[in-house]
Amino acid sequence: MRLAIGDIHGCLTSLRTMLDVIQPTPDDLIVTLGDYVDRGPDSKGVIDELLSLKKTHNFIHLMGNHEIQMIRALETSQDRSRFLSGLCGGQDTLDSYGGGFDDVPKGHWNFIRSAELYHELKEHIFVHAGIEENIPVGSQDQETYYYRRFHRQQPHQSGKTVVCGHTIQGDLPTDLGYAICLDTCAYGGGWLSALDVETGKIWQTNEQGQSRELHRNDLA
């Protein structure tokens, strides 16, 4: 299994339900697409869960724009104000730790800072937001990995399928054939979505502990 999990945004119940339903083995590849923090109720719990997963599974975590904003919030007052604004939901993240940046454990900062920009397989490219179609995946402007909107995604020159999150799609993922977006607004009463890129199977879970299954073919 090669599993991609969309934007979690502090939704620990959705994440735990997803892992309980799928039951990935240590040999399965799990790629989380970024945006672990902000807006949802338990960013700390999400990162604790992912750190535990990293110890036992073949696990890769990508950098989302909300992780970048959290890092940059330590660097300038302007970035801090943006992170703590209602737009980003950063105060929800800090509240899950105890209220301040100093309450975030070093291990969690290390996890956030060590996130990869993308992960590339033979037939797929995993990235948080998207990539420019005419630029090699490793040569993109870094802001593109974090912020590119899904409606701008075109077939990549590599011919590989782009698997991303970042741009909310509503109740179901959107599949363009050459790209699929898995952000279905887990934090806003929607679903956390995951895709096995080998089989096309899709799982969705929510903060009520509900789950459902479908297939890429069902998205057509």
N, C-alpha and C. Protein backbone atom coordinates (compact mmCIF):
# COMPACT_ATOMS: atom_id res chain seq x y z
N MET A 1 0.84 -1.19 0.00
CA MET A 1 0.00 0.00 0.00
C MET A 1 0.88 1.25 0.00
N ARG A 2 0.49 2.24 -0.81
CA ARG A 2 1.14 3.54 -0.81
C ARG A 2 0.05 4.57 -0.55
N LEU A 3 0.02 5.03 0.68
CA LEU A 3 -1.12 5.78 1.20
C LEU A 3 -0.78 7.26 1.33
N ALA A 4 -1.63 8.12 0.79
CA ALA A 4 -1.53 9.56 0.99
C ALA A 4 -2.69 10.00 1.87
N ILE A 5 -2.40 10.81 2.88
CA ILE A 5 -3.41 11.35 3.79
C ILE A 5 -3.43 12.86 3.65
N GLY A 6 -4.63 13.41 3.44
CA GLY A 6 -4.79 14.85 3.21
C GLY A 6 -4.65 15.68 4.47
N ASP A 7 -5.03 16.94 4.38
CA ASP A 7 -4.84 17.94 5.43
C ASP A 7 -5.57 17.54 6.71
N ILE A 8 -4.82 17.36 7.81
CA ILE A 8 -5.38 16.88 9.07
C ILE A 8 -5.86 18.04 9.95
N HIS A 9 -5.12 19.12 10.01
CA HIS A 9 -5.52 20.34 10.72
C HIS A 9 -6.03 20.08 12.14
N GLY A 10 -5.24 19.38 12.94
CA GLY A 10 -5.58 19.22 14.35
C GLY A 10 -6.73 18.27 14.64
N CYS A 11 -7.17 17.50 13.66
CA CYS A 11 -8.32 16.61 13.83
C CYS A 11 -7.85 15.22 14.23
N LEU A 12 -7.55 15.07 15.51
CA LEU A 12 -6.98 13.83 16.02
C LEU A 12 -7.94 12.67 15.92
N THR A 13 -9.22 12.88 16.22
CA THR A 13 -10.19 11.78 16.12
C THR A 13 -10.28 11.26 14.69
N SER A 14 -10.29 12.16 13.73
CA SER A 14 -10.33 11.75 12.33
C SER A 14 -9.09 10.94 11.96
N LEU A 15 -7.92 11.38 12.41
CA LEU A 15 -6.67 10.68 12.11
C LEU A 15 -6.65 9.29 12.75
N ARG A 16 -7.00 9.22 14.04
CA ARG A 16 -6.99 7.92 14.71
C ARG A 16 -8.00 6.96 14.09
N THR A 17 -9.16 7.47 13.74
CA THR A 17 -10.17 6.63 13.10
C THR A 17 -9.65 6.12 11.76
N MET A 18 -8.98 6.98 11.00
CA MET A 18 -8.41 6.60 9.72
C MET A 18 -7.40 5.45 9.88
N LEU A 19 -6.51 5.60 10.82
CA LEU A 19 -5.49 4.56 11.03
C LEU A 19 -6.12 3.27 11.53
N ASP A 20 -7.14 3.37 12.37
CA ASP A 20 -7.83 2.18 12.86
C ASP A 20 -8.55 1.45 11.73
N VAL A 21 -9.15 2.20 10.82
CA VAL A 21 -9.89 1.60 9.72
C VAL A 21 -8.95 0.95 8.70
N ILE A 22 -7.88 1.65 8.34
CA ILE A 22 -6.99 1.15 7.30
C ILE A 22 -6.04 0.08 7.81
N GLN A 23 -5.59 0.22 9.05
CA GLN A 23 -4.64 -0.72 9.65
C GLN A 23 -3.39 -0.90 8.77
N PRO A 24 -2.66 0.18 8.48
CA PRO A 24 -1.46 0.04 7.66
C PRO A 24 -0.40 -0.79 8.37
N THR A 25 0.33 -1.56 7.60
CA THR A 25 1.42 -2.37 8.14
C THR A 25 2.71 -1.57 8.13
N PRO A 26 3.73 -2.01 8.87
CA PRO A 26 5.00 -1.30 8.86
C PRO A 26 5.65 -1.22 7.48
N ASP A 27 5.27 -2.11 6.57
CA ASP A 27 5.85 -2.11 5.23
C ASP A 27 5.13 -1.17 4.27
N ASP A 28 3.93 -0.73 4.62
CA ASP A 28 3.19 0.20 3.77
C ASP A 28 3.81 1.59 3.86
N LEU A 29 3.82 2.29 2.74
CA LEU A 29 4.28 3.67 2.72
C LEU A 29 3.12 4.59 3.08
N ILE A 30 3.34 5.48 4.05
CA ILE A 30 2.35 6.47 4.44
C ILE A 30 2.95 7.85 4.23
N VAL A 31 2.29 8.67 3.41
CA VAL A 31 2.74 10.03 3.15
C VAL A 31 1.63 10.98 3.60
N THR A 32 1.92 11.82 4.58
CA THR A 32 0.96 12.85 4.98
C THR A 32 1.31 14.13 4.24
N LEU A 33 0.29 14.82 3.73
CA LEU A 33 0.47 15.89 2.77
C LEU A 33 0.63 17.28 3.38
N GLY A 34 0.78 17.36 4.70
CA GLY A 34 0.98 18.66 5.33
C GLY A 34 -0.27 19.24 5.95
N ASP A 35 -0.11 20.38 6.61
CA ASP A 35 -1.16 21.04 7.38
C ASP A 35 -1.65 20.14 8.52
N TYR A 36 -0.76 19.87 9.45
CA TYR A 36 -1.07 19.08 10.65
C TYR A 36 -1.67 19.97 11.74
N VAL A 37 -1.30 21.26 11.70
CA VAL A 37 -1.66 22.19 12.77
C VAL A 37 -2.73 23.17 12.30
N ASP A 38 -3.25 23.91 13.28
CA ASP A 38 -4.17 25.05 13.07
C ASP A 38 -5.62 24.60 12.82
N ARG A 39 -6.52 25.42 13.35
CA ARG A 39 -7.96 25.36 13.09
C ARG A 39 -8.68 24.22 13.80
N GLY A 40 -8.15 23.01 13.78
CA GLY A 40 -8.79 21.90 14.47
C GLY A 40 -8.51 21.90 15.96
N PRO A 41 -9.10 20.96 16.71
CA PRO A 41 -9.07 21.02 18.17
C PRO A 41 -7.79 20.53 18.84
N ASP A 42 -6.93 19.74 18.15
CA ASP A 42 -5.83 19.11 18.88
C ASP A 42 -4.60 18.93 17.99
N SER A 43 -3.97 20.04 17.64
CA SER A 43 -2.74 19.97 16.84
C SER A 43 -1.64 19.20 17.56
N LYS A 44 -1.51 19.43 18.86
CA LYS A 44 -0.50 18.70 19.64
C LYS A 44 -0.74 17.19 19.57
N GLY A 45 -1.98 16.78 19.75
CA GLY A 45 -2.29 15.36 19.70
C GLY A 45 -2.01 14.75 18.34
N VAL A 46 -2.26 15.51 17.28
CA VAL A 46 -1.98 15.02 15.93
C VAL A 46 -0.49 14.77 15.75
N ILE A 47 0.34 15.73 16.17
CA ILE A 47 1.78 15.53 15.99
C ILE A 47 2.30 14.42 16.89
N ASP A 48 1.76 14.30 18.11
CA ASP A 48 2.12 13.16 18.96
C ASP A 48 1.82 11.84 18.24
N GLU A 49 0.65 11.76 17.62
CA GLU A 49 0.24 10.54 16.91
C GLU A 49 1.17 10.25 15.73
N LEU A 50 1.52 11.29 14.99
CA LEU A 50 2.39 11.09 13.83
C LEU A 50 3.82 10.74 14.25
N LEU A 51 4.28 11.29 15.36
CA LEU A 51 5.60 10.91 15.87
C LEU A 51 5.63 9.44 16.27
N SER A 52 4.54 8.96 16.85
CA SER A 52 4.45 7.53 17.20
C SER A 52 4.43 6.68 15.94
N LEU A 53 3.70 7.13 14.93
CA LEU A 53 3.61 6.40 13.67
C LEU A 53 4.98 6.32 13.00
N LYS A 54 5.74 7.38 13.10
CA LYS A 54 7.06 7.44 12.48
C LYS A 54 8.01 6.40 13.07
N LYS A 55 7.80 6.04 14.33
CA LYS A 55 8.66 5.06 14.99
C LYS A 55 8.42 3.64 14.50
N THR A 56 7.25 3.37 13.97
CA THR A 56 6.87 1.99 13.67
C THR A 56 6.57 1.73 12.20
N HIS A 57 6.44 2.79 11.39
CA HIS A 57 6.00 2.62 10.01
C HIS A 57 6.92 3.36 9.04
N ASN A 58 6.75 3.02 7.77
CA ASN A 58 7.45 3.68 6.67
C ASN A 58 6.70 4.98 6.39
N PHE A 59 7.09 6.04 7.07
CA PHE A 59 6.29 7.26 7.17
C PHE A 59 7.06 8.47 6.68
N ILE A 60 6.43 9.26 5.83
CA ILE A 60 7.01 10.50 5.32
C ILE A 60 6.00 11.63 5.52
N HIS A 61 6.44 12.73 6.11
CA HIS A 61 5.54 13.86 6.29
C HIS A 61 6.03 15.05 5.49
N LEU A 62 5.10 15.68 4.78
CA LEU A 62 5.40 16.82 3.93
C LEU A 62 5.09 18.13 4.63
N MET A 63 5.70 19.18 4.15
CA MET A 63 5.51 20.51 4.71
C MET A 63 4.27 21.16 4.11
N GLY A 64 3.38 21.66 4.97
CA GLY A 64 2.24 22.43 4.52
C GLY A 64 2.43 23.90 4.78
N ASN A 65 1.58 24.72 4.21
CA ASN A 65 1.71 26.16 4.43
C ASN A 65 1.49 26.55 5.89
N HIS A 66 0.70 25.77 6.63
CA HIS A 66 0.47 26.12 8.04
C HIS A 66 1.68 25.79 8.89
N GLU A 67 2.46 24.78 8.50
CA GLU A 67 3.71 24.53 9.21
C GLU A 67 4.72 25.64 8.93
N ILE A 68 4.80 26.07 7.68
CA ILE A 68 5.69 27.17 7.32
C ILE A 68 5.31 28.43 8.07
N GLN A 69 4.01 28.70 8.16
CA GLN A 69 3.56 29.90 8.88
C GLN A 69 3.91 29.82 10.36
N MET A 70 3.85 28.62 10.92
CA MET A 70 4.19 28.45 12.32
C MET A 70 5.69 28.69 12.55
N ILE A 71 6.52 28.19 11.63
CA ILE A 71 7.96 28.42 11.73
C ILE A 71 8.27 29.90 11.58
N ARG A 72 7.66 30.53 10.59
CA ARG A 72 7.94 31.94 10.34
C ARG A 72 7.42 32.84 11.44
N ALA A 73 6.44 32.36 12.20
CA ALA A 73 5.91 33.15 13.31
C ALA A 73 6.97 33.41 14.38
N LEU A 74 8.01 32.60 14.40
CA LEU A 74 9.11 32.81 15.34
C LEU A 74 10.11 33.82 14.83
N GLU A 75 9.98 34.22 13.56
CA GLU A 75 11.02 35.02 12.92
C GLU A 75 10.70 36.51 12.84
N THR A 76 9.45 36.87 12.61
CA THR A 76 9.10 38.29 12.49
C THR A 76 7.77 38.55 13.19
N SER A 77 7.57 39.77 13.65
CA SER A 77 6.32 40.13 14.32
C SER A 77 5.15 40.09 13.34
N GLN A 78 5.41 40.42 12.08
CA GLN A 78 4.35 40.39 11.08
C GLN A 78 3.87 38.96 10.84
N ASP A 79 4.82 38.02 10.74
CA ASP A 79 4.44 36.62 10.55
C ASP A 79 3.74 36.07 11.79
N ARG A 80 4.17 36.52 12.96
CA ARG A 80 3.51 36.07 14.19
C ARG A 80 2.07 36.56 14.23
N SER A 81 1.85 37.81 13.88
CA SER A 81 0.49 38.35 13.87
C SER A 81 -0.39 37.60 12.89
N ARG A 82 0.16 37.27 11.73
CA ARG A 82 -0.60 36.53 10.73
C ARG A 82 -0.96 35.14 11.26
N PHE A 83 0.02 34.46 11.86
CA PHE A 83 -0.21 33.11 12.37
C PHE A 83 -1.28 33.09 13.45
N LEU A 84 -1.29 34.12 14.29
CA LEU A 84 -2.22 34.16 15.41
C LEU A 84 -3.58 34.74 15.02
N SER A 85 -3.71 35.18 13.80
CA SER A 85 -4.98 35.74 13.35
C SER A 85 -6.01 34.64 13.14
N GLY A 86 -7.25 35.03 13.06
CA GLY A 86 -8.31 34.06 12.77
C GLY A 86 -8.15 33.41 11.41
N LEU A 87 -7.45 34.08 10.50
CA LEU A 87 -7.25 33.55 9.16
C LEU A 87 -6.48 32.23 9.18
N CYS A 88 -5.46 32.16 10.02
CA CYS A 88 -4.62 30.96 10.07
C CYS A 88 -5.05 29.98 11.15
N GLY A 89 -5.60 30.48 12.23
CA GLY A 89 -5.98 29.59 13.31
C GLY A 89 -4.84 29.16 14.20
N GLY A 90 -3.75 29.94 14.19
CA GLY A 90 -2.58 29.54 14.97
C GLY A 90 -2.81 29.51 16.46
N GLN A 91 -3.70 30.37 16.98
CA GLN A 91 -3.96 30.35 18.41
C GLN A 91 -4.57 29.03 18.85
N ASP A 92 -5.36 28.41 17.96
CA ASP A 92 -5.91 27.08 18.27
C ASP A 92 -4.78 26.07 18.47
N THR A 93 -3.75 26.20 17.64
CA THR A 93 -2.58 25.32 17.78
C THR A 93 -1.90 25.53 19.12
N LEU A 94 -1.60 26.78 19.44
CA LEU A 94 -0.90 27.07 20.70
C LEU A 94 -1.74 26.67 21.91
N ASP A 95 -3.05 26.85 21.83
CA ASP A 95 -3.93 26.46 22.94
C ASP A 95 -3.84 24.96 23.21
N SER A 96 -3.64 24.17 22.15
CA SER A 96 -3.55 22.72 22.35
C SER A 96 -2.28 22.33 23.10
N TYR A 97 -1.30 23.24 23.11
CA TYR A 97 -0.03 22.99 23.82
C TYR A 97 -0.01 23.63 25.21
N GLY A 98 -0.87 24.59 25.44
CA GLY A 98 -0.85 25.29 26.71
C GLY A 98 -0.93 26.79 26.57
N GLY A 99 -0.87 27.29 25.33
CA GLY A 99 -1.12 28.71 25.12
C GLY A 99 -0.02 29.52 24.47
N GLY A 100 1.24 29.04 24.49
CA GLY A 100 2.33 29.85 23.96
C GLY A 100 3.31 29.05 23.12
N PHE A 101 4.15 29.75 22.38
CA PHE A 101 5.17 29.09 21.55
C PHE A 101 6.14 28.29 22.41
N ASP A 102 6.44 28.79 23.60
CA ASP A 102 7.37 28.10 24.48
C ASP A 102 6.82 26.77 25.00
N ASP A 103 5.52 26.57 24.88
CA ASP A 103 4.91 25.32 25.34
C ASP A 103 5.06 24.20 24.31
N VAL A 104 5.48 24.52 23.09
CA VAL A 104 5.65 23.50 22.05
C VAL A 104 6.95 22.76 22.29
N PRO A 105 6.92 21.43 22.49
CA PRO A 105 8.14 20.69 22.79
C PRO A 105 9.15 20.74 21.64
N LYS A 106 10.41 20.62 21.98
CA LYS A 106 11.48 20.63 20.97
C LYS A 106 11.25 19.55 19.92
N GLY A 107 10.80 18.38 20.36
CA GLY A 107 10.57 17.29 19.42
C GLY A 107 9.50 17.62 18.38
N HIS A 108 8.53 18.43 18.79
CA HIS A 108 7.49 18.84 17.84
C HIS A 108 8.02 19.88 16.86
N TRP A 109 8.84 20.80 17.35
CA TRP A 109 9.48 21.75 16.44
C TRP A 109 10.37 21.01 15.44
N ASN A 110 11.09 20.01 15.91
CA ASN A 110 11.95 19.23 15.01
C ASN A 110 11.12 18.51 13.95
N PHE A 111 9.99 17.97 14.36
CA PHE A 111 9.09 17.31 13.42
C PHE A 111 8.62 18.29 12.34
N ILE A 112 8.19 19.45 12.77
CA ILE A 112 7.68 20.45 11.82
C ILE A 112 8.79 20.89 10.87
N ARG A 113 9.96 21.18 11.40
CA ARG A 113 11.05 21.69 10.56
C ARG A 113 11.62 20.62 9.63
N SER A 114 11.49 19.37 9.98
CA SER A 114 12.08 18.29 9.17
C SER A 114 11.16 17.79 8.06
N ALA A 115 9.98 18.39 7.92
CA ALA A 115 9.05 17.97 6.88
C ALA A 115 9.66 18.16 5.49
N GLU A 116 9.40 17.21 4.60
CA GLU A 116 9.91 17.27 3.24
C GLU A 116 9.01 18.15 2.37
N LEU A 117 9.57 18.69 1.30
CA LEU A 117 8.81 19.55 0.40
C LEU A 117 7.93 18.74 -0.55
N TYR A 118 8.38 17.57 -0.93
CA TYR A 118 7.64 16.69 -1.83
C TYR A 118 8.20 15.28 -1.69
N HIS A 119 7.46 14.31 -2.22
CA HIS A 119 7.98 12.94 -2.29
C HIS A 119 7.60 12.37 -3.64
N GLU A 120 8.56 11.79 -4.32
CA GLU A 120 8.37 11.35 -5.69
C GLU A 120 8.53 9.84 -5.81
N LEU A 121 7.56 9.21 -6.46
CA LEU A 121 7.61 7.79 -6.76
C LEU A 121 7.65 7.62 -8.28
N LYS A 122 7.65 6.39 -8.74
CA LYS A 122 7.76 6.11 -10.17
C LYS A 122 6.62 6.75 -10.96
N GLU A 123 5.41 6.74 -10.40
CA GLU A 123 4.24 7.24 -11.13
C GLU A 123 3.51 8.38 -10.44
N HIS A 124 3.98 8.80 -9.27
CA HIS A 124 3.26 9.81 -8.50
C HIS A 124 4.22 10.83 -7.89
N ILE A 125 3.71 12.05 -7.72
CA ILE A 125 4.40 13.11 -6.99
C ILE A 125 3.47 13.57 -5.87
N PHE A 126 3.92 13.44 -4.63
CA PHE A 126 3.16 13.90 -3.48
C PHE A 126 3.68 15.28 -3.08
N VAL A 127 2.76 16.22 -2.88
CA VAL A 127 3.14 17.57 -2.51
C VAL A 127 1.96 18.20 -1.78
N HIS A 128 2.24 19.19 -0.94
CA HIS A 128 1.13 19.78 -0.20
C HIS A 128 0.14 20.50 -1.10
N ALA A 129 0.64 21.46 -1.90
CA ALA A 129 -0.27 22.33 -2.64
C ALA A 129 -0.29 22.07 -4.13
N GLY A 130 0.87 21.92 -4.75
CA GLY A 130 0.93 21.71 -6.19
C GLY A 130 2.29 22.05 -6.72
N ILE A 131 2.46 21.92 -8.05
CA ILE A 131 3.73 22.20 -8.70
C ILE A 131 3.49 22.85 -10.06
N GLU A 132 4.47 23.64 -10.50
CA GLU A 132 4.44 24.19 -11.85
C GLU A 132 4.65 23.06 -12.85
N GLU A 133 3.87 23.07 -13.91
CA GLU A 133 3.85 21.93 -14.82
C GLU A 133 5.11 21.81 -15.69
N ASN A 134 5.80 22.92 -15.97
CA ASN A 134 6.93 22.89 -16.90
C ASN A 134 8.28 22.99 -16.21
N ILE A 135 8.31 22.76 -14.90
CA ILE A 135 9.55 22.83 -14.12
C ILE A 135 9.75 21.48 -13.44
N PRO A 136 10.97 20.91 -13.47
CA PRO A 136 11.22 19.66 -12.75
C PRO A 136 10.80 19.79 -11.29
N VAL A 137 10.30 18.71 -10.71
CA VAL A 137 9.70 18.79 -9.38
C VAL A 137 10.69 19.30 -8.34
N GLY A 138 11.96 18.97 -8.49
CA GLY A 138 12.95 19.39 -7.50
C GLY A 138 13.47 20.80 -7.70
N SER A 139 13.02 21.49 -8.74
CA SER A 139 13.52 22.83 -9.05
C SER A 139 12.47 23.92 -8.87
N GLN A 140 11.37 23.61 -8.25
CA GLN A 140 10.28 24.57 -8.06
C GLN A 140 10.66 25.65 -7.04
N ASP A 141 10.07 26.82 -7.20
CA ASP A 141 10.12 27.81 -6.13
C ASP A 141 9.44 27.21 -4.90
N GLN A 142 10.05 27.33 -3.73
CA GLN A 142 9.52 26.65 -2.55
C GLN A 142 8.11 27.09 -2.21
N GLU A 143 7.77 28.35 -2.47
CA GLU A 143 6.43 28.81 -2.16
C GLU A 143 5.38 28.05 -2.96
N THR A 144 5.76 27.55 -4.14
CA THR A 144 4.82 26.78 -4.96
C THR A 144 4.38 25.52 -4.25
N TYR A 145 5.31 24.83 -3.59
CA TYR A 145 4.97 23.61 -2.87
C TYR A 145 3.92 23.88 -1.78
N TYR A 146 3.97 25.06 -1.18
CA TYR A 146 3.09 25.38 -0.06
C TYR A 146 1.75 25.98 -0.47
N TYR A 147 1.77 26.77 -1.55
CA TYR A 147 0.64 27.68 -1.78
C TYR A 147 -0.08 27.54 -3.12
N ARG A 148 0.42 26.79 -4.05
CA ARG A 148 -0.23 26.72 -5.36
C ARG A 148 -1.64 26.15 -5.23
N ARG A 149 -2.60 26.76 -5.90
CA ARG A 149 -3.98 26.31 -5.82
C ARG A 149 -4.26 25.21 -6.84
N PHE A 150 -5.15 24.29 -6.45
CA PHE A 150 -5.39 23.10 -7.26
C PHE A 150 -5.96 23.45 -8.63
N HIS A 151 -6.75 24.53 -8.72
CA HIS A 151 -7.36 24.88 -10.01
C HIS A 151 -6.31 25.30 -11.04
N ARG A 152 -5.11 25.62 -10.58
CA ARG A 152 -4.02 25.99 -11.48
C ARG A 152 -3.17 24.80 -11.92
N GLN A 153 -3.41 23.63 -11.32
CA GLN A 153 -2.57 22.49 -11.62
C GLN A 153 -2.86 21.94 -13.01
N GLN A 154 -1.80 21.81 -13.81
CA GLN A 154 -1.86 21.21 -15.13
C GLN A 154 -1.00 19.95 -15.15
N PRO A 155 -1.14 19.10 -16.18
CA PRO A 155 -0.31 17.88 -16.23
C PRO A 155 1.17 18.22 -16.14
N HIS A 156 1.89 17.55 -15.24
CA HIS A 156 3.31 17.82 -15.07
C HIS A 156 4.11 17.19 -16.19
N GLN A 157 5.22 17.84 -16.52
CA GLN A 157 6.05 17.39 -17.63
C GLN A 157 6.59 15.98 -17.43
N SER A 158 6.65 15.51 -16.21
CA SER A 158 7.13 14.16 -15.93
C SER A 158 6.13 13.08 -16.34
N GLY A 159 4.86 13.47 -16.51
CA GLY A 159 3.82 12.50 -16.79
C GLY A 159 3.28 11.82 -15.54
N LYS A 160 3.80 12.19 -14.38
CA LYS A 160 3.38 11.57 -13.13
C LYS A 160 2.12 12.25 -12.59
N THR A 161 1.34 11.49 -11.83
CA THR A 161 0.14 12.02 -11.21
C THR A 161 0.51 12.80 -9.95
N VAL A 162 0.01 14.02 -9.84
CA VAL A 162 0.25 14.85 -8.68
C VAL A 162 -0.83 14.56 -7.63
N VAL A 163 -0.42 14.25 -6.41
CA VAL A 163 -1.34 13.99 -5.30
C VAL A 163 -1.10 15.08 -4.27
N CYS A 164 -2.13 15.88 -3.97
CA CYS A 164 -1.94 17.05 -3.14
C CYS A 164 -3.14 17.30 -2.24
N GLY A 165 -3.00 18.32 -1.41
CA GLY A 165 -4.08 18.80 -0.55
C GLY A 165 -4.20 20.30 -0.73
N HIS A 166 -4.34 21.03 0.37
CA HIS A 166 -4.27 22.49 0.46
C HIS A 166 -5.55 23.21 0.02
N THR A 167 -6.10 22.85 -1.14
CA THR A 167 -7.27 23.55 -1.67
C THR A 167 -8.53 22.75 -1.37
N ILE A 168 -9.40 23.27 -0.53
CA ILE A 168 -10.59 22.53 -0.10
C ILE A 168 -11.49 22.21 -1.29
N GLN A 169 -11.90 20.95 -1.38
CA GLN A 169 -12.68 20.47 -2.50
C GLN A 169 -14.15 20.21 -2.18
N GLY A 170 -14.54 20.31 -0.94
CA GLY A 170 -15.91 19.97 -0.57
C GLY A 170 -15.96 18.58 0.04
N ASP A 171 -17.03 17.85 -0.22
CA ASP A 171 -17.29 16.58 0.44
C ASP A 171 -16.39 15.45 -0.04
N LEU A 172 -15.96 15.51 -1.29
CA LEU A 172 -15.16 14.45 -1.90
C LEU A 172 -13.90 15.01 -2.52
N PRO A 173 -12.84 14.20 -2.63
CA PRO A 173 -11.66 14.63 -3.37
C PRO A 173 -12.02 14.90 -4.83
N THR A 174 -11.17 15.67 -5.49
CA THR A 174 -11.33 15.94 -6.91
C THR A 174 -10.22 15.24 -7.68
N ASP A 175 -10.60 14.50 -8.72
CA ASP A 175 -9.66 13.73 -9.52
C ASP A 175 -9.68 14.24 -10.96
N LEU A 176 -8.57 14.84 -11.39
CA LEU A 176 -8.44 15.32 -12.76
C LEU A 176 -7.74 14.31 -13.66
N GLY A 177 -7.43 13.15 -13.12
CA GLY A 177 -6.67 12.16 -13.88
C GLY A 177 -5.19 12.36 -13.69
N TYR A 178 -4.68 13.51 -14.07
CA TYR A 178 -3.26 13.82 -13.91
C TYR A 178 -2.96 14.41 -12.53
N ALA A 179 -3.99 14.71 -11.74
CA ALA A 179 -3.82 15.26 -10.40
C ALA A 179 -5.07 14.97 -9.58
N ILE A 180 -4.87 14.75 -8.28
CA ILE A 180 -5.98 14.51 -7.37
C ILE A 180 -5.74 15.30 -6.09
N CYS A 181 -6.77 15.98 -5.60
CA CYS A 181 -6.68 16.79 -4.38
C CYS A 181 -7.48 16.13 -3.28
N LEU A 182 -6.84 15.94 -2.11
CA LEU A 182 -7.45 15.19 -1.00
C LEU A 182 -7.89 16.08 0.16
N ASP A 183 -7.90 17.40 -0.01
CA ASP A 183 -8.34 18.26 1.09
C ASP A 183 -9.87 18.37 1.07
N THR A 184 -10.51 17.70 2.02
CA THR A 184 -11.97 17.73 2.13
C THR A 184 -12.42 18.29 3.48
N CYS A 185 -11.63 19.24 3.99
CA CYS A 185 -12.01 20.10 5.12
C CYS A 185 -12.36 19.33 6.39
N ALA A 186 -11.40 18.54 6.87
CA ALA A 186 -11.62 17.77 8.09
C ALA A 186 -11.98 18.66 9.27
N TYR A 187 -11.36 19.84 9.35
CA TYR A 187 -11.57 20.71 10.51
C TYR A 187 -12.90 21.43 10.49
N GLY A 188 -13.53 21.54 9.33
CA GLY A 188 -14.73 22.35 9.20
C GLY A 188 -16.01 21.54 9.11
N GLY A 189 -16.02 20.36 9.71
CA GLY A 189 -17.20 19.51 9.66
C GLY A 189 -17.21 18.59 8.47
N GLY A 190 -16.12 18.57 7.71
CA GLY A 190 -16.01 17.68 6.55
C GLY A 190 -15.30 16.39 6.89
N TRP A 191 -14.51 15.91 5.95
CA TRP A 191 -13.86 14.61 6.08
C TRP A 191 -12.35 14.74 5.95
N LEU A 192 -11.64 13.84 6.63
CA LEU A 192 -10.23 13.59 6.35
C LEU A 192 -10.19 12.49 5.29
N SER A 193 -9.47 12.73 4.20
CA SER A 193 -9.44 11.78 3.10
C SER A 193 -8.06 11.18 2.92
N ALA A 194 -8.03 9.90 2.56
CA ALA A 194 -6.79 9.19 2.28
C ALA A 194 -6.96 8.36 1.02
N LEU A 195 -5.88 8.20 0.26
CA LEU A 195 -5.89 7.48 -1.00
C LEU A 195 -4.75 6.49 -1.06
N ASP A 196 -5.06 5.24 -1.43
CA ASP A 196 -4.03 4.27 -1.78
C ASP A 196 -3.78 4.44 -3.28
N VAL A 197 -2.63 4.99 -3.64
CA VAL A 197 -2.38 5.29 -5.05
C VAL A 197 -2.18 4.03 -5.87
N GLU A 198 -1.93 2.89 -5.24
CA GLU A 198 -1.76 1.64 -5.98
C GLU A 198 -3.10 1.06 -6.43
N THR A 199 -4.09 1.12 -5.57
CA THR A 199 -5.38 0.49 -5.88
C THR A 199 -6.48 1.49 -6.24
N GLY A 200 -6.30 2.77 -5.89
CA GLY A 200 -7.33 3.77 -6.11
C GLY A 200 -8.37 3.81 -5.01
N LYS A 201 -8.21 3.03 -3.96
CA LYS A 201 -9.17 3.02 -2.87
C LYS A 201 -9.04 4.29 -2.04
N ILE A 202 -10.17 4.85 -1.63
CA ILE A 202 -10.23 6.08 -0.84
C ILE A 202 -10.98 5.80 0.46
N TRP A 203 -10.43 6.31 1.55
CA TRP A 203 -11.11 6.25 2.85
C TRP A 203 -11.38 7.68 3.31
N GLN A 204 -12.48 7.87 4.01
CA GLN A 204 -12.79 9.15 4.63
C GLN A 204 -13.25 8.93 6.07
N THR A 205 -12.79 9.78 6.96
CA THR A 205 -13.18 9.72 8.37
C THR A 205 -13.45 11.14 8.85
N ASN A 206 -14.18 11.26 9.98
CA ASN A 206 -14.48 12.60 10.49
C ASN A 206 -14.34 12.66 12.00
N GLU A 207 -14.61 13.81 12.56
CA GLU A 207 -14.44 14.05 13.99
C GLU A 207 -15.54 13.40 14.84
N GLN A 208 -16.55 12.84 14.21
CA GLN A 208 -17.56 12.06 14.92
C GLN A 208 -17.19 10.58 14.98
N GLY A 209 -16.02 10.23 14.43
CA GLY A 209 -15.57 8.85 14.42
C GLY A 209 -16.22 8.02 13.32
N GLN A 210 -16.87 8.66 12.38
CA GLN A 210 -17.49 7.94 11.26
C GLN A 210 -16.46 7.69 10.17
N SER A 211 -16.74 6.68 9.34
CA SER A 211 -15.85 6.37 8.22
C SER A 211 -16.66 5.88 7.04
N ARG A 212 -16.09 6.03 5.87
CA ARG A 212 -16.69 5.49 4.65
C ARG A 212 -15.59 5.23 3.64
N GLU A 213 -15.90 4.38 2.64
CA GLU A 213 -14.93 3.99 1.65
C GLU A 213 -15.49 4.20 0.25
N LEU A 214 -14.64 4.55 -0.67
CA LEU A 214 -15.01 4.66 -2.07
C LEU A 214 -13.78 4.44 -2.92
N HIS A 215 -13.88 4.71 -4.22
CA HIS A 215 -12.78 4.45 -5.15
C HIS A 215 -12.63 5.65 -6.06
N ARG A 216 -11.42 5.82 -6.62
CA ARG A 216 -11.21 6.92 -7.56
C ARG A 216 -12.25 6.90 -8.68
N ASN A 217 -12.67 5.72 -9.08
CA ASN A 217 -13.67 5.62 -10.15
C ASN A 217 -14.99 6.28 -9.76
N ASP A 218 -15.26 6.33 -8.46
CA ASP A 218 -16.52 6.93 -7.98
C ASP A 218 -16.50 8.45 -8.09
N LEU A 219 -15.32 9.04 -8.31
CA LEU A 219 -15.21 10.49 -8.36
C LEU A 219 -15.47 11.05 -9.75
N ALA A 220 -15.53 10.18 -10.73
CA ALA A 220 -15.72 10.64 -12.11
C ALA A 220 -17.08 11.30 -12.28
